[in-house]
Protein backbone atom coordinates (compact mmCIF):
# COMPACT_ATOMS: atom_id res chain seq x y z
CA MET A 1 -56.08 32.33 -11.78
CA ARG A 2 -53.56 32.17 -9.24
CA PHE A 3 -51.63 35.07 -7.84
CA LEU A 4 -47.96 34.45 -6.74
CA ASN A 5 -45.14 36.74 -5.57
CA ILE A 6 -41.87 36.97 -7.48
CA HIS A 7 -39.85 35.17 -4.99
CA ASP A 8 -42.14 32.30 -4.91
CA THR A 9 -42.30 32.19 -8.62
CA LYS A 10 -38.49 32.17 -9.14
CA THR A 11 -37.97 29.51 -6.52
CA ASN A 12 -40.45 27.17 -7.94
CA LEU A 13 -40.54 28.20 -11.84
CA SER A 14 -40.51 24.80 -13.15
CA LYS A 15 -43.47 23.69 -11.11
CA TYR A 16 -45.43 26.35 -12.11
CA ILE A 17 -44.52 26.26 -15.85
CA GLN A 18 -46.01 22.45 -15.67
CA GLN A 19 -49.19 23.78 -13.80
CA VAL A 20 -49.78 26.34 -16.43
CA THR A 21 -49.45 23.92 -19.12
CA GLN A 22 -51.63 21.07 -17.60
CA SER A 23 -54.36 23.51 -16.51
CA HIS A 24 -54.29 26.10 -19.35
CA GLU A 25 -55.08 28.73 -16.70
CA PRO A 26 -52.72 31.74 -16.24
CA ILE A 27 -50.62 32.54 -13.03
CA ILE A 28 -50.27 36.52 -12.13
CA ILE A 29 -47.01 37.37 -10.89
CA CYS A 30 -47.16 40.15 -8.25
CA LYS A 31 -44.47 42.50 -6.76
CA ASN A 32 -45.57 43.98 -3.38
CA GLY A 33 -48.90 42.72 -4.10
CA THR A 34 -49.43 44.51 -7.42
CA PRO A 35 -49.89 42.30 -10.52
CA VAL A 36 -46.85 42.95 -12.86
CA ALA A 37 -46.59 39.91 -15.06
CA GLN A 38 -48.53 37.01 -16.33
CA LEU A 39 -47.43 33.26 -17.03
CA ILE A 40 -49.32 31.77 -19.75
CA GLU A 41 -49.22 28.51 -21.94
CA TYR A 42 -47.35 29.28 -25.30
CA LYS A 43 -49.38 28.47 -28.11
CA GLU A 44 -47.93 28.24 -31.95
CA SER A 45 -49.90 30.62 -34.02
CA GLN A 46 -51.42 29.07 -37.00
CA LYS A 47 -50.01 29.68 -40.46
CA ARG A 48 -51.96 31.80 -42.50
CA THR A 49 -53.10 31.00 -46.01
CA LEU A 50 -52.31 33.78 -48.43
CA GLY A 51 -55.17 34.62 -51.07
CA LEU A 52 -58.18 33.53 -49.15
CA GLY A 53 -59.98 36.65 -49.91
CA LYS A 54 -58.96 37.04 -53.60
CA ASN A 55 -61.70 38.34 -55.65
CA THR A 56 -63.77 38.90 -52.89
CA ILE A 57 -63.27 42.68 -52.61
CA THR A 58 -63.14 45.11 -55.42
CA ILE A 59 -62.03 48.70 -55.14
CA SER A 60 -63.68 51.17 -57.76
CA ASP A 61 -61.40 53.17 -60.37
CA ASP A 62 -62.00 56.31 -58.68
CA PHE A 63 -60.92 55.22 -55.21
CA ASP A 64 -58.15 57.70 -54.85
CA HIS A 65 -60.03 60.58 -56.23
CA LEU A 66 -61.38 63.09 -53.41
CA PRO A 67 -64.58 64.65 -54.51
CA ILE A 68 -64.30 68.60 -54.67
CA GLU A 69 -66.88 69.19 -51.68
CA LEU A 70 -64.66 67.10 -49.34
CA LYS A 71 -61.63 68.62 -50.35
CA GLY A 72 -62.01 71.56 -47.98
CA TYR A 73 -61.97 69.39 -44.93
CA PHE A 74 -58.49 67.99 -45.77
CA GLU A 75 -56.57 71.40 -46.11
């Protein structure tokens, strides 16, 4: 992981973007020696398939019913 100051990062941004995409290692951007941002490789998120958990979870019929002995805790 490399640490760079803002001025150097602005001056050589294209070079650092290329380094990040090739090495897959993030670059930390610092202001006055304090980390303030991170330059990382962008990765496209995977599409989620709907319905993968269908019929694997069941909810009981009395799910919304609060037992009398617990009711006092919620008042």
